[in-house]
Amino acid sequence: FIDVWWRGHSNGQLMIILAHLLTQNWEWSNSEVRI
């Protein structure tokens, strides 16, 4: 799991993209992103 704790738009969108990019790595490709 890759968990992003949403605290608003100030940095949340960046964190969502970062979590998504992590899933592009083979080691994290089977992970679930949870906001």
Full PDB file with SEQRES, HELIX, SHEET, SSBOND, CRYST1, ORIGX, SCALE, CONECT and MASTER records, all heavy atoms in Angstrom:
SEQRES   1 A   35  PHE ILE ASP VAL TRP TRP ARG GLY HIS SER ASN GLY GLN          
SEQRES   2 A   35  LEU MET ILE ILE LEU ALA HIS LEU LEU THR GLN ASN TRP          
SEQRES   3 A   35  GLU TRP SER ASN SER GLU VAL ARG ILE                          
HELIX    1 AA1 GLY A   12  THR A   23  1                                  12    
HELIX    2 AA2 TRP A   26  TRP A   28  5                                   3    
SHEET    1 AA1 2 ILE A   2  ASP A   3  0                                        
SHEET    2 AA1 2 VAL A  33  ARG A  34  1                                        
CRYST1    1.000    1.000    1.000  90.00  90.00  90.00 P 1           1          
ORIGX1      1.000000  0.000000  0.000000        0.00000                         
ORIGX2      0.000000  1.000000  0.000000        0.00000                         
ORIGX3      0.000000  0.000000  1.000000        0.00000                         
SCALE1      1.000000  0.000000  0.000000        0.00000                         
SCALE2      0.000000  1.000000  0.000000        0.00000                         
SCALE3      0.000000  0.000000  1.000000        0.00000                         
ATOM      1  N   PHE A   1       0.832  -1.199   0.000  1.00  0.00           N  
ATOM      2  CA  PHE A   1       0.000   0.000   0.000  1.00  0.00           C  
ATOM      3  C   PHE A   1       0.864   1.245   0.000  1.00  0.00           C  
ATOM      4  O   PHE A   1       1.893   1.292   0.667  1.00  0.00           O  
ATOM      5  CB  PHE A   1      -0.910   0.027   1.235  1.00  0.00           C  
ATOM      6  CG  PHE A   1      -1.886  -1.103   1.272  1.00  0.00           C  
ATOM      7  CD1 PHE A   1      -1.596  -2.265   1.963  1.00  0.00           C  
ATOM      8  CD2 PHE A   1      -3.083  -1.020   0.588  1.00  0.00           C  
ATOM      9  CE1 PHE A   1      -2.485  -3.322   1.985  1.00  0.00           C  
ATOM     10  CE2 PHE A   1      -3.980  -2.061   0.604  1.00  0.00           C  
ATOM     11  CZ  PHE A   1      -3.682  -3.218   1.303  1.00  0.00           C  
ATOM     12  N   ILE A   2       0.430   2.226  -0.755  1.00  0.00           N  
ATOM     13  CA  ILE A   2       1.024   3.555  -0.716  1.00  0.00           C  
ATOM     14  C   ILE A   2      -0.099   4.468  -0.239  1.00  0.00           C  
ATOM     15  O   ILE A   2      -1.087   4.672  -0.940  1.00  0.00           O  
ATOM     16  CB  ILE A   2       1.542   4.001  -2.099  1.00  0.00           C  
ATOM     17  CG1 ILE A   2       2.598   3.017  -2.613  1.00  0.00           C  
ATOM     18  CG2 ILE A   2       2.088   5.430  -2.021  1.00  0.00           C  
ATOM     19  CD1 ILE A   2       2.996   3.256  -4.056  1.00  0.00           C  
ATOM     20  N   ASP A   3       0.049   4.974   0.981  1.00  0.00           N  
ATOM     21  CA  ASP A   3      -0.988   5.812   1.579  1.00  0.00           C  
ATOM     22  C   ASP A   3      -0.619   7.277   1.495  1.00  0.00           C  
ATOM     23  O   ASP A   3       0.481   7.668   1.883  1.00  0.00           O  
ATOM     24  CB  ASP A   3      -1.205   5.443   3.052  1.00  0.00           C  
ATOM     25  CG  ASP A   3      -1.786   4.050   3.221  1.00  0.00           C  
ATOM     26  OD1 ASP A   3      -2.455   3.576   2.283  1.00  0.00           O  
ATOM     27  OD2 ASP A   3      -1.583   3.447   4.287  1.00  0.00           O  
ATOM     28  N   VAL A   4      -1.542   8.075   0.968  1.00  0.00           N  
ATOM     29  CA  VAL A   4      -1.394   9.534   0.942  1.00  0.00           C  
ATOM     30  C   VAL A   4      -2.461  10.087   1.867  1.00  0.00           C  
ATOM     31  O   VAL A   4      -3.652   9.888   1.636  1.00  0.00           O  
ATOM     32  CB  VAL A   4      -1.577  10.096  -0.494  1.00  0.00           C  
ATOM     33  CG1 VAL A   4      -1.542  11.617  -0.475  1.00  0.00           C  
ATOM     34  CG2 VAL A   4      -0.523   9.538  -1.424  1.00  0.00           C  
ATOM     35  N   TRP A   5      -2.034  10.761   2.920  1.00  0.00           N  
ATOM     36  CA  TRP A   5      -2.964  11.366   3.868  1.00  0.00           C  
ATOM     37  C   TRP A   5      -3.305  12.748   3.352  1.00  0.00           C  
ATOM     38  O   TRP A   5      -2.484  13.646   3.372  1.00  0.00           O  
ATOM     39  CB  TRP A   5      -2.353  11.395   5.267  1.00  0.00           C  
ATOM     40  CG  TRP A   5      -2.263  10.011   5.837  1.00  0.00           C  
ATOM     41  CD1 TRP A   5      -1.299   9.088   5.589  1.00  0.00           C  
ATOM     42  CD2 TRP A   5      -3.213   9.386   6.705  1.00  0.00           C  
ATOM     43  NE1 TRP A   5      -1.586   7.927   6.249  1.00  0.00           N  
ATOM     44  CE2 TRP A   5      -2.742   8.083   6.953  1.00  0.00           C  
ATOM     45  CE3 TRP A   5      -4.404   9.815   7.300  1.00  0.00           C  
ATOM     46  CZ2 TRP A   5      -3.429   7.197   7.772  1.00  0.00           C  
ATOM     47  CZ3 TRP A   5      -5.071   8.924   8.115  1.00  0.00           C  
ATOM     48  CH2 TRP A   5      -4.590   7.635   8.343  1.00  0.00           C  
ATOM     49  N   TRP A   6      -4.543  12.899   2.871  1.00  0.00           N  
ATOM     50  CA  TRP A   6      -4.994  14.125   2.225  1.00  0.00           C  
ATOM     51  C   TRP A   6      -5.175  15.235   3.242  1.00  0.00           C  
ATOM     52  O   TRP A   6      -5.915  15.102   4.203  1.00  0.00           O  
ATOM     53  CB  TRP A   6      -6.308  13.866   1.492  1.00  0.00           C  
ATOM     54  CG  TRP A   6      -6.780  15.060   0.735  1.00  0.00           C  
ATOM     55  CD1 TRP A   6      -7.753  15.934   1.105  1.00  0.00           C  
ATOM     56  CD2 TRP A   6      -6.278  15.526  -0.510  1.00  0.00           C  
ATOM     57  NE1 TRP A   6      -7.893  16.915   0.163  1.00  0.00           N  
ATOM     58  CE2 TRP A   6      -6.996  16.686  -0.848  1.00  0.00           C  
ATOM     59  CE3 TRP A   6      -5.296  15.081  -1.380  1.00  0.00           C  
ATOM     60  CZ2 TRP A   6      -6.761  17.396  -2.014  1.00  0.00           C  
ATOM     61  CZ3 TRP A   6      -5.076  15.792  -2.528  1.00  0.00           C  
ATOM     62  CH2 TRP A   6      -5.799  16.925  -2.840  1.00  0.00           C  
ATOM     63  N   ARG A   7      -4.471  16.335   3.010  1.00  0.00           N  
ATOM     64  CA  ARG A   7      -4.605  17.502   3.881  1.00  0.00           C  
ATOM     65  C   ARG A   7      -4.922  18.744   3.069  1.00  0.00           C  
ATOM     66  O   ARG A   7      -4.735  19.845   3.535  1.00  0.00           O  
ATOM     67  CB  ARG A   7      -3.324  17.691   4.684  1.00  0.00           C  
ATOM     68  CG  ARG A   7      -3.103  16.524   5.647  1.00  0.00           C  
ATOM     69  CD  ARG A   7      -1.973  16.764   6.546  1.00  0.00           C  
ATOM     70  NE  ARG A   7      -2.130  18.073   7.168  1.00  0.00           N  
ATOM     71  CZ  ARG A   7      -1.650  18.404   8.329  1.00  0.00           C  
ATOM     72  NH1 ARG A   7      -0.987  17.520   9.016  1.00  0.00           N  
ATOM     73  NH2 ARG A   7      -1.802  19.603   8.824  1.00  0.00           N  
ATOM     74  N   GLY A   8      -5.350  18.551   1.848  1.00  0.00           N  
ATOM     75  CA  GLY A   8      -5.750  19.689   1.043  1.00  0.00           C  
ATOM     76  C   GLY A   8      -4.940  19.832  -0.224  1.00  0.00           C  
ATOM     77  O   GLY A   8      -4.022  19.064  -0.501  1.00  0.00           O  
ATOM     78  N   HIS A   9      -5.291  20.853  -0.987  1.00  0.00           N  
ATOM     79  CA  HIS A   9      -4.686  21.060  -2.302  1.00  0.00           C  
ATOM     80  C   HIS A   9      -3.285  21.654  -2.253  1.00  0.00           C  
ATOM     81  O   HIS A   9      -2.599  21.663  -3.265  1.00  0.00           O  
ATOM     82  CB  HIS A   9      -5.593  21.967  -3.157  1.00  0.00           C  
ATOM     83  CG  HIS A   9      -6.840  21.272  -3.582  1.00  0.00           C  
ATOM     84  ND1 HIS A   9      -6.899  20.473  -4.695  1.00  0.00           N  
ATOM     85  CD2 HIS A   9      -8.082  21.231  -3.032  1.00  0.00           C  
ATOM     86  CE1 HIS A   9      -8.117  19.981  -4.828  1.00  0.00           C  
ATOM     87  NE2 HIS A   9      -8.854  20.421  -3.828  1.00  0.00           N  
ATOM     88  N   SER A  10      -2.838  22.157  -1.100  1.00  0.00           N  
ATOM     89  CA  SER A  10      -1.532  22.820  -1.068  1.00  0.00           C  
ATOM     90  C   SER A  10      -0.408  21.893  -1.503  1.00  0.00           C  
ATOM     91  O   SER A  10       0.512  22.307  -2.175  1.00  0.00           O  
ATOM     92  CB  SER A  10      -1.249  23.397   0.318  1.00  0.00           C  
ATOM     93  OG  SER A  10      -1.186  22.361   1.278  1.00  0.00           O  
ATOM     94  N   ASN A  11      -0.464  20.621  -1.108  1.00  0.00           N  
ATOM     95  CA  ASN A  11       0.542  19.677  -1.586  1.00  0.00           C  
ATOM     96  C   ASN A  11      -0.056  18.321  -1.939  1.00  0.00           C  
ATOM     97  O   ASN A  11       0.650  17.431  -2.364  1.00  0.00           O  
ATOM     98  CB  ASN A  11       1.664  19.508  -0.561  1.00  0.00           C  
ATOM     99  CG  ASN A  11       1.231  18.694   0.641  1.00  0.00           C  
ATOM    100  OD1 ASN A  11       0.043  18.486   0.887  1.00  0.00           O  
ATOM    101  ND2 ASN A  11       2.186  18.239   1.405  1.00  0.00           N  
ATOM    102  N   GLY A  12      -1.348  18.176  -1.766  1.00  0.00           N  
ATOM    103  CA  GLY A  12      -1.987  16.888  -1.992  1.00  0.00           C  
ATOM    104  C   GLY A  12      -1.852  16.371  -3.400  1.00  0.00           C  
ATOM    105  O   GLY A  12      -1.609  15.176  -3.623  1.00  0.00           O  
ATOM    106  N   GLN A  13      -2.008  17.253  -4.375  1.00  0.00           N  
ATOM    107  CA  GLN A  13      -1.917  16.805  -5.762  1.00  0.00           C  
ATOM    108  C   GLN A  13      -0.511  16.302  -6.086  1.00  0.00           C  
ATOM    109  O   GLN A  13      -0.342  15.296  -6.782  1.00  0.00           O  
ATOM    110  CB  GLN A  13      -2.337  17.933  -6.689  1.00  0.00           C  
ATOM    111  CG  GLN A  13      -3.819  18.237  -6.519  1.00  0.00           C  
ATOM    112  CD  GLN A  13      -4.213  19.595  -7.067  1.00  0.00           C  
ATOM    113  OE1 GLN A  13      -3.449  20.538  -7.019  1.00  0.00           O  
ATOM    114  NE2 GLN A  13      -5.434  19.676  -7.570  1.00  0.00           N  
ATOM    115  N   LEU A  14       0.500  16.987  -5.558  1.00  0.00           N  
ATOM    116  CA  LEU A  14       1.879  16.540  -5.742  1.00  0.00           C  
ATOM    117  C   LEU A  14       2.070  15.154  -5.122  1.00  0.00           C  
ATOM    118  O   LEU A  14       2.698  14.283  -5.723  1.00  0.00           O  
ATOM    119  CB  LEU A  14       2.848  17.543  -5.111  1.00  0.00           C  
ATOM    120  CG  LEU A  14       4.304  17.119  -5.028  1.00  0.00           C  
ATOM    121  CD1 LEU A  14       4.904  16.997  -6.423  1.00  0.00           C  
ATOM    122  CD2 LEU A  14       5.097  18.120  -4.199  1.00  0.00           C  
ATOM    123  N   MET A  15       1.488  14.954  -3.955  1.00  0.00           N  
ATOM    124  CA  MET A  15       1.653  13.676  -3.274  1.00  0.00           C  
ATOM    125  C   MET A  15       0.957  12.540  -4.037  1.00  0.00           C  
ATOM    126  O   MET A  15       1.460  11.423  -4.096  1.00  0.00           O  
ATOM    127  CB  MET A  15       1.126  13.768  -1.840  1.00  0.00           C  
ATOM    128  CG  MET A  15       1.818  14.849  -1.001  1.00  0.00           C  
ATOM    129  SD  MET A  15       3.616  14.777  -1.047  1.00  0.00           S  
ATOM    130  CE  MET A  15       3.893  13.347  -0.057  1.00  0.00           C  
ATOM    131  N   ILE A  16      -0.194  12.842  -4.631  1.00  0.00           N  
ATOM    132  CA  ILE A  16      -0.902  11.828  -5.425  1.00  0.00           C  
ATOM    133  C   ILE A  16      -0.059  11.432  -6.635  1.00  0.00           C  
ATOM    134  O   ILE A  16       0.085  10.249  -6.952  1.00  0.00           O  
ATOM    135  CB  ILE A  16      -2.294  12.332  -5.851  1.00  0.00           C  
ATOM    136  CG1 ILE A  16      -3.213  12.414  -4.626  1.00  0.00           C  
ATOM    137  CG2 ILE A  16      -2.897  11.431  -6.920  1.00  0.00           C  
ATOM    138  CD1 ILE A  16      -4.529  13.101  -4.894  1.00  0.00           C  
ATOM    139  N   ILE A  17       0.524  12.403  -7.283  1.00  0.00           N  
ATOM    140  CA  ILE A  17       1.365  12.101  -8.456  1.00  0.00           C  
ATOM    141  C   ILE A  17       2.600  11.316  -8.028  1.00  0.00           C  
ATOM    142  O   ILE A  17       3.006  10.372  -8.707  1.00  0.00           O  
ATOM    143  CB  ILE A  17       1.755  13.404  -9.181  1.00  0.00           C  
ATOM    144  CG1 ILE A  17       0.499  14.069  -9.615  1.00  0.00           C  
ATOM    145  CG2 ILE A  17       2.797  13.170 -10.256  1.00  0.00           C  
ATOM    146  CD1 ILE A  17       0.320  14.584 -10.961  1.00  0.00           C  
ATOM    147  N   LEU A  18       3.191  11.692  -6.911  1.00  0.00           N  
ATOM    148  CA  LEU A  18       4.348  10.961  -6.402  1.00  0.00           C  
ATOM    149  C   LEU A  18       3.975   9.506  -6.117  1.00  0.00           C  
ATOM    150  O   LEU A  18       4.711   8.588  -6.499  1.00  0.00           O  
ATOM    151  CB  LEU A  18       4.897  11.635  -5.139  1.00  0.00           C  
ATOM    152  CG  LEU A  18       6.079  10.964  -4.472  1.00  0.00           C  
ATOM    153  CD1 LEU A  18       7.274  10.905  -5.403  1.00  0.00           C  
ATOM    154  CD2 LEU A  18       6.440  11.710  -3.199  1.00  0.00           C  
ATOM    155  N   ALA A  19       2.836   9.291  -5.480  1.00  0.00           N  
ATOM    156  CA  ALA A  19       2.385   7.928  -5.205  1.00  0.00           C  
ATOM    157  C   ALA A  19       2.185   7.161  -6.515  1.00  0.00           C  
ATOM    158  O   ALA A  19       2.597   5.997  -6.638  1.00  0.00           O  
ATOM    159  CB  ALA A  19       1.091   7.956  -4.394  1.00  0.00           C  
ATOM    160  N   HIS A  20       1.555   7.803  -7.490  1.00  0.00           N  
ATOM    161  CA  HIS A  20       1.357   7.160  -8.799  1.00  0.00           C  
ATOM    162  C   HIS A  20       2.693   6.801  -9.440  1.00  0.00           C  
ATOM    163  O   HIS A  20       2.860   5.699  -9.986  1.00  0.00           O  
ATOM    164  CB  HIS A  20       0.545   8.079  -9.712  1.00  0.00           C  
ATOM    165  CG  HIS A  20       0.511   7.609 -11.123  1.00  0.00           C  
ATOM    166  ND1 HIS A  20      -0.209   6.502 -11.529  1.00  0.00           N  
ATOM    167  CD2 HIS A  20       1.147   8.077 -12.230  1.00  0.00           C  
ATOM    168  CE1 HIS A  20      -0.017   6.320 -12.821  1.00  0.00           C  
ATOM    169  NE2 HIS A  20       0.790   7.256 -13.265  1.00  0.00           N  
ATOM    170  N   LEU A  21       3.650   7.713  -9.380  1.00  0.00           N  
ATOM    171  CA  LEU A  21       4.958   7.441  -9.981  1.00  0.00           C  
ATOM    172  C   LEU A  21       5.650   6.260  -9.294  1.00  0.00           C  
ATOM    173  O   LEU A  21       6.339   5.483  -9.962  1.00  0.00           O  
ATOM    174  CB  LEU A  21       5.840   8.690  -9.930  1.00  0.00           C  
ATOM    175  CG  LEU A  21       5.427   9.813 -10.870  1.00  0.00           C  
ATOM    176  CD1 LEU A  21       6.269  11.056 -10.617  1.00  0.00           C  
ATOM    177  CD2 LEU A  21       5.513   9.377 -12.325  1.00  0.00           C  
ATOM    178  N   LEU A  22       5.462   6.120  -7.995  1.00  0.00           N  
ATOM    179  CA  LEU A  22       6.037   4.973  -7.292  1.00  0.00           C  
ATOM    180  C   LEU A  22       5.500   3.659  -7.860  1.00  0.00           C  
ATOM    181  O   LEU A  22       6.231   2.675  -7.941  1.00  0.00           O  
ATOM    182  CB  LEU A  22       5.740   5.041  -5.797  1.00  0.00           C  
ATOM    183  CG  LEU A  22       6.625   5.952  -4.964  1.00  0.00           C  
ATOM    184  CD1 LEU A  22       6.074   6.076  -3.544  1.00  0.00           C  
ATOM    185  CD2 LEU A  22       8.056   5.452  -4.935  1.00  0.00           C  
ATOM    186  N   THR A  23       4.225   3.650  -8.256  1.00  0.00           N  
ATOM    187  CA  THR A  23       3.646   2.417  -8.797  1.00  0.00           C  
ATOM    188  C   THR A  23       4.230   2.048 -10.150  1.00  0.00           C  
ATOM    189  O   THR A  23       4.036   0.928 -10.613  1.00  0.00           O  
ATOM    190  CB  THR A  23       2.108   2.516  -8.925  1.00  0.00           C  
ATOM    191  OG1 THR A  23       1.775   3.488  -9.919  1.00  0.00           O  
ATOM    192  CG2 THR A  23       1.453   2.828  -7.601  1.00  0.00           C  
ATOM    193  N   GLN A  24       4.941   2.960 -10.788  1.00  0.00           N  
ATOM    194  CA  GLN A  24       5.558   2.673 -12.074  1.00  0.00           C  
ATOM    195  C   GLN A  24       6.862   1.890 -11.915  1.00  0.00           C  
ATOM    196  O   GLN A  24       7.396   1.351 -12.882  1.00  0.00           O  
ATOM    197  CB  GLN A  24       5.818   3.970 -12.850  1.00  0.00           C  
ATOM    198  CG  GLN A  24       4.570   4.804 -13.077  1.00  0.00           C  
ATOM    199  CD  GLN A  24       3.441   4.014 -13.707  1.00  0.00           C  
ATOM    200  OE1 GLN A  24       3.572   3.536 -14.826  1.00  0.00           O  
ATOM    201  NE2 GLN A  24       2.339   3.860 -12.990  1.00  0.00           N  
ATOM    202  N   ASN A  25       7.380   1.833 -10.677  1.00  0.00           N  
ATOM    203  CA  ASN A  25       8.572   1.054 -10.384  1.00  0.00           C  
ATOM    204  C   ASN A  25       8.158  -0.400 -10.200  1.00  0.00           C  
ATOM    205  O   ASN A  25       7.165  -0.683  -9.539  1.00  0.00           O  
ATOM    206  CB  ASN A  25       9.236   1.606  -9.112  1.00  0.00           C  
ATOM    207  CG  ASN A  25      10.441   0.800  -8.709  1.00  0.00           C  
ATOM    208  OD1 ASN A  25      10.316  -0.290  -8.171  1.00  0.00           O  
ATOM    209  ND2 ASN A  25      11.613   1.345  -8.960  1.00  0.00           N  
ATOM    210  N   TRP A  26       8.899  -1.327 -10.747  1.00  0.00           N  
ATOM    211  CA  TRP A  26       8.515  -2.735 -10.689  1.00  0.00           C  
ATOM    212  C   TRP A  26       8.323  -3.228  -9.271  1.00  0.00           C  
ATOM    213  O   TRP A  26       7.482  -4.091  -9.016  1.00  0.00           O  
ATOM    214  CB  TRP A  26       9.501  -3.619 -11.451  1.00  0.00           C  
ATOM    215  CG  TRP A  26      10.854  -3.746 -10.815  1.00  0.00           C  
ATOM    216  CD1 TRP A  26      11.945  -2.972 -11.044  1.00  0.00           C  
ATOM    217  CD2 TRP A  26      11.264  -4.708  -9.854  1.00  0.00           C  
ATOM    218  NE1 TRP A  26      13.003  -3.375 -10.284  1.00  0.00           N  
ATOM    219  CE2 TRP A  26      12.603  -4.447  -9.532  1.00  0.00           C  
ATOM    220  CE3 TRP A  26      10.626  -5.760  -9.204  1.00  0.00           C  
ATOM    221  CZ2 TRP A  26      13.329  -5.193  -8.607  1.00  0.00           C  
ATOM    222  CZ3 TRP A  26      11.349  -6.505  -8.280  1.00  0.00           C  
ATOM    223  CH2 TRP A  26      12.679  -6.222  -8.003  1.00  0.00           C  
ATOM    224  N   GLU A  27       9.085  -2.704  -8.321  1.00  0.00           N  
ATOM    225  CA  GLU A  27       8.954  -3.167  -6.939  1.00  0.00           C  
ATOM    226  C   GLU A  27       7.623  -2.756  -6.314  1.00  0.00           C  
ATOM    227  O   GLU A  27       7.167  -3.373  -5.367  1.00  0.00           O  
ATOM    228  CB  GLU A  27      10.102  -2.630  -6.089  1.00  0.00           C  
ATOM    229  CG  GLU A  27      11.443  -3.201  -6.481  1.00  0.00           C  
ATOM    230  CD  GLU A  27      12.591  -2.557  -5.747  1.00  0.00           C  
ATOM    231  OE1 GLU A  27      12.662  -1.321  -5.729  1.00  0.00           O  
ATOM    232  OE2 GLU A  27      13.404  -3.302  -5.175  1.00  0.00           O  
ATOM    233  N   TRP A  28       7.014  -1.706  -6.831  1.00  0.00           N  
ATOM    234  CA  TRP A  28       5.755  -1.206  -6.278  1.00  0.00           C  
ATOM    235  C   TRP A  28       4.599  -1.378  -7.248  1.00  0.00           C  
ATOM    236  O   TRP A  28       3.500  -0.880  -7.012  1.00  0.00           O  
ATOM    237  CB  TRP A  28       5.918   0.278  -5.915  1.00  0.00           C  
ATOM    238  CG  TRP A  28       6.840   0.469  -4.763  1.00  0.00           C  
ATOM    239  CD1 TRP A  28       8.188   0.675  -4.814  1.00  0.00           C  
ATOM    240  CD2 TRP A  28       6.497   0.440  -3.386  1.00  0.00           C  
ATOM    241  NE1 TRP A  28       8.703   0.781  -3.555  1.00  0.00           N  
ATOM    242  CE2 TRP A  28       7.671   0.643  -2.651  1.00  0.00           C  
ATOM    243  CE3 TRP A  28       5.293   0.259  -2.702  1.00  0.00           C  
ATOM    244  CZ2 TRP A  28       7.693   0.667  -1.268  1.00  0.00           C  
ATOM    245  CZ3 TRP A  28       5.321   0.294  -1.311  1.00  0.00           C  
ATOM    246  CH2 TRP A  28       6.513   0.490  -0.619  1.00  0.00           C  
ATOM    247  N   SER A  29       4.807  -2.085  -8.341  1.00  0.00           N  
ATOM    248  CA  SER A  29       3.779  -2.173  -9.381  1.00  0.00           C  
ATOM    249  C   SER A  29       2.517  -2.897  -8.922  1.00  0.00           C  
ATOM    250  O   SER A  29       1.446  -2.672  -9.478  1.00  0.00           O  
ATOM    251  CB  SER A  29       4.347  -2.825 -10.635  1.00  0.00           C  
ATOM    252  OG  SER A  29       4.763  -4.148 -10.355  1.00  0.00           O  
ATOM    253  N   ASN A  30       2.611  -3.749  -7.932  1.00  0.00           N  
ATOM    254  CA  ASN A  30       1.432  -4.455  -7.420  1.00  0.00           C  
ATOM    255  C   ASN A  30       0.803  -3.750  -6.230  1.00  0.00           C  
ATOM    256  O   ASN A  30      -0.031  -4.323  -5.540  1.00  0.00           O  
ATOM    257  CB  ASN A  30       1.798  -5.894  -7.015  1.00  0.00           C  
ATOM    258  CG  ASN A  30       2.151  -6.739  -8.209  1.00  0.00           C  
ATOM    259  OD1 ASN A  30       1.553  -6.596  -9.272  1.00  0.00           O  
ATOM    260  ND2 ASN A  30       3.139  -7.599  -8.060  1.00  0.00           N  
ATOM    261  N   SER A  31       1.192  -2.523  -5.985  1.00  0.00           N  
ATOM    262  CA  SER A  31       0.690  -1.824  -4.806  1.00  0.00           C  
ATOM    263  C   SER A  31      -0.612  -1.090  -5.095  1.00  0.00           C  
ATOM    264  O   SER A  31      -0.946  -0.801  -6.239  1.00  0.00           O  
ATOM    265  CB  SER A  31       1.739  -0.841  -4.284  1.00  0.00           C  
ATOM    266  OG  SER A  31       2.014   0.133  -5.252  1.00  0.00           O  
ATOM    267  N   GLU A  32      -1.322  -0.800  -4.032  1.00  0.00           N  
ATOM    268  CA  GLU A  32      -2.569  -0.041  -4.124  1.00  0.00           C  
ATOM    269  C   GLU A  32      -2.342   1.332  -3.506  1.00  0.00           C  
ATOM    270  O   GLU A  32      -1.855   1.447  -2.384  1.00  0.00           O  
ATOM    271  CB  GLU A  32      -3.678  -0.759  -3.364  1.00  0.00           C  
ATOM    272  CG  GLU A  32      -4.995  -0.021  -3.395  1.00  0.00           C  
ATOM    273  CD  GLU A  32      -6.094  -0.747  -2.627  1.00  0.00           C  
ATOM    274  OE1 GLU A  32      -5.957  -1.948  -2.349  1.00  0.00           O  
ATOM    275  OE2 GLU A  32      -7.094  -0.082  -2.308  1.00  0.00           O  
ATOM    276  N   VAL A  33      -2.686   2.371  -4.261  1.00  0.00           N  
ATOM    277  CA  VAL A  33      -2.591   3.741  -3.746  1.00  0.00           C  
ATOM    278  C   VAL A  33      -3.909   4.054  -3.054  1.00  0.00           C  
ATOM    279  O   VAL A  33      -4.983   3.846  -3.621  1.00  0.00           O  
ATOM    280  CB  VAL A  33      -2.325   4.758  -4.885  1.00  0.00           C  
ATOM    281  CG1 VAL A  33      -2.318   6.181  -4.343  1.00  0.00           C  
ATOM    282  CG2 VAL A  33      -1.010   4.439  -5.580  1.00  0.00           C  
ATOM    283  N   ARG A  34      -3.800   4.532  -1.821  1.00  0.00           N  
ATOM    284  CA  ARG A  34      -4.987   4.929  -1.070  1.00  0.00           C  
ATOM    285  C   ARG A  34      -4.836   6.388  -0.665  1.00  0.00           C  
ATOM    286  O   ARG A  34      -3.815   6.768  -0.092  1.00  0.00           O  
ATOM    287  CB  ARG A  34      -5.165   4.079   0.181  1.00  0.00           C  
ATOM    288  CG  ARG A  34      -5.317   2.597  -0.113  1.00  0.00           C  
ATOM    289  CD  ARG A  34      -5.568   1.770   1.112  1.00  0.00           C  
ATOM    290  NE  ARG A  34      -4.428   1.796   2.011  1.00  0.00           N  
ATOM    291  CZ  ARG A  34      -4.264   0.948   3.029  1.00  0.00           C  
ATOM    292  NH1 ARG A  34      -5.164   0.012   3.269  1.00  0.00           N  
ATOM    293  NH2 ARG A  34      -3.203   1.033   3.812  1.00  0.00           N  
ATOM    294  N   ILE A  35      -5.844   7.186  -1.005  1.00  0.00           N  
ATOM    295  CA  ILE A  35      -5.872   8.585  -0.588  1.00  0.00           C  
ATOM    296  C   ILE A  35      -6.786   8.623   0.628  1.00  0.00           C  
ATOM    297  O   ILE A  35      -7.976   8.315   0.533  1.00  0.00           O  
ATOM    298  CB  ILE A  35      -6.401   9.505  -1.711  1.00  0.00           C  
ATOM    299  CG1 ILE A  35      -5.676   9.221  -3.030  1.00  0.00           C  
ATOM    300  CG2 ILE A  35      -6.296  10.965  -1.285  1.00  0.00           C  
ATOM    301  CD1 ILE A  35      -4.174   9.336  -2.991  1.00  0.00           C  
TER     302      ILE A  35                                                      
MASTER        0    0    0    2    2    0    0    6  301    1    0    3          
END                                                                             
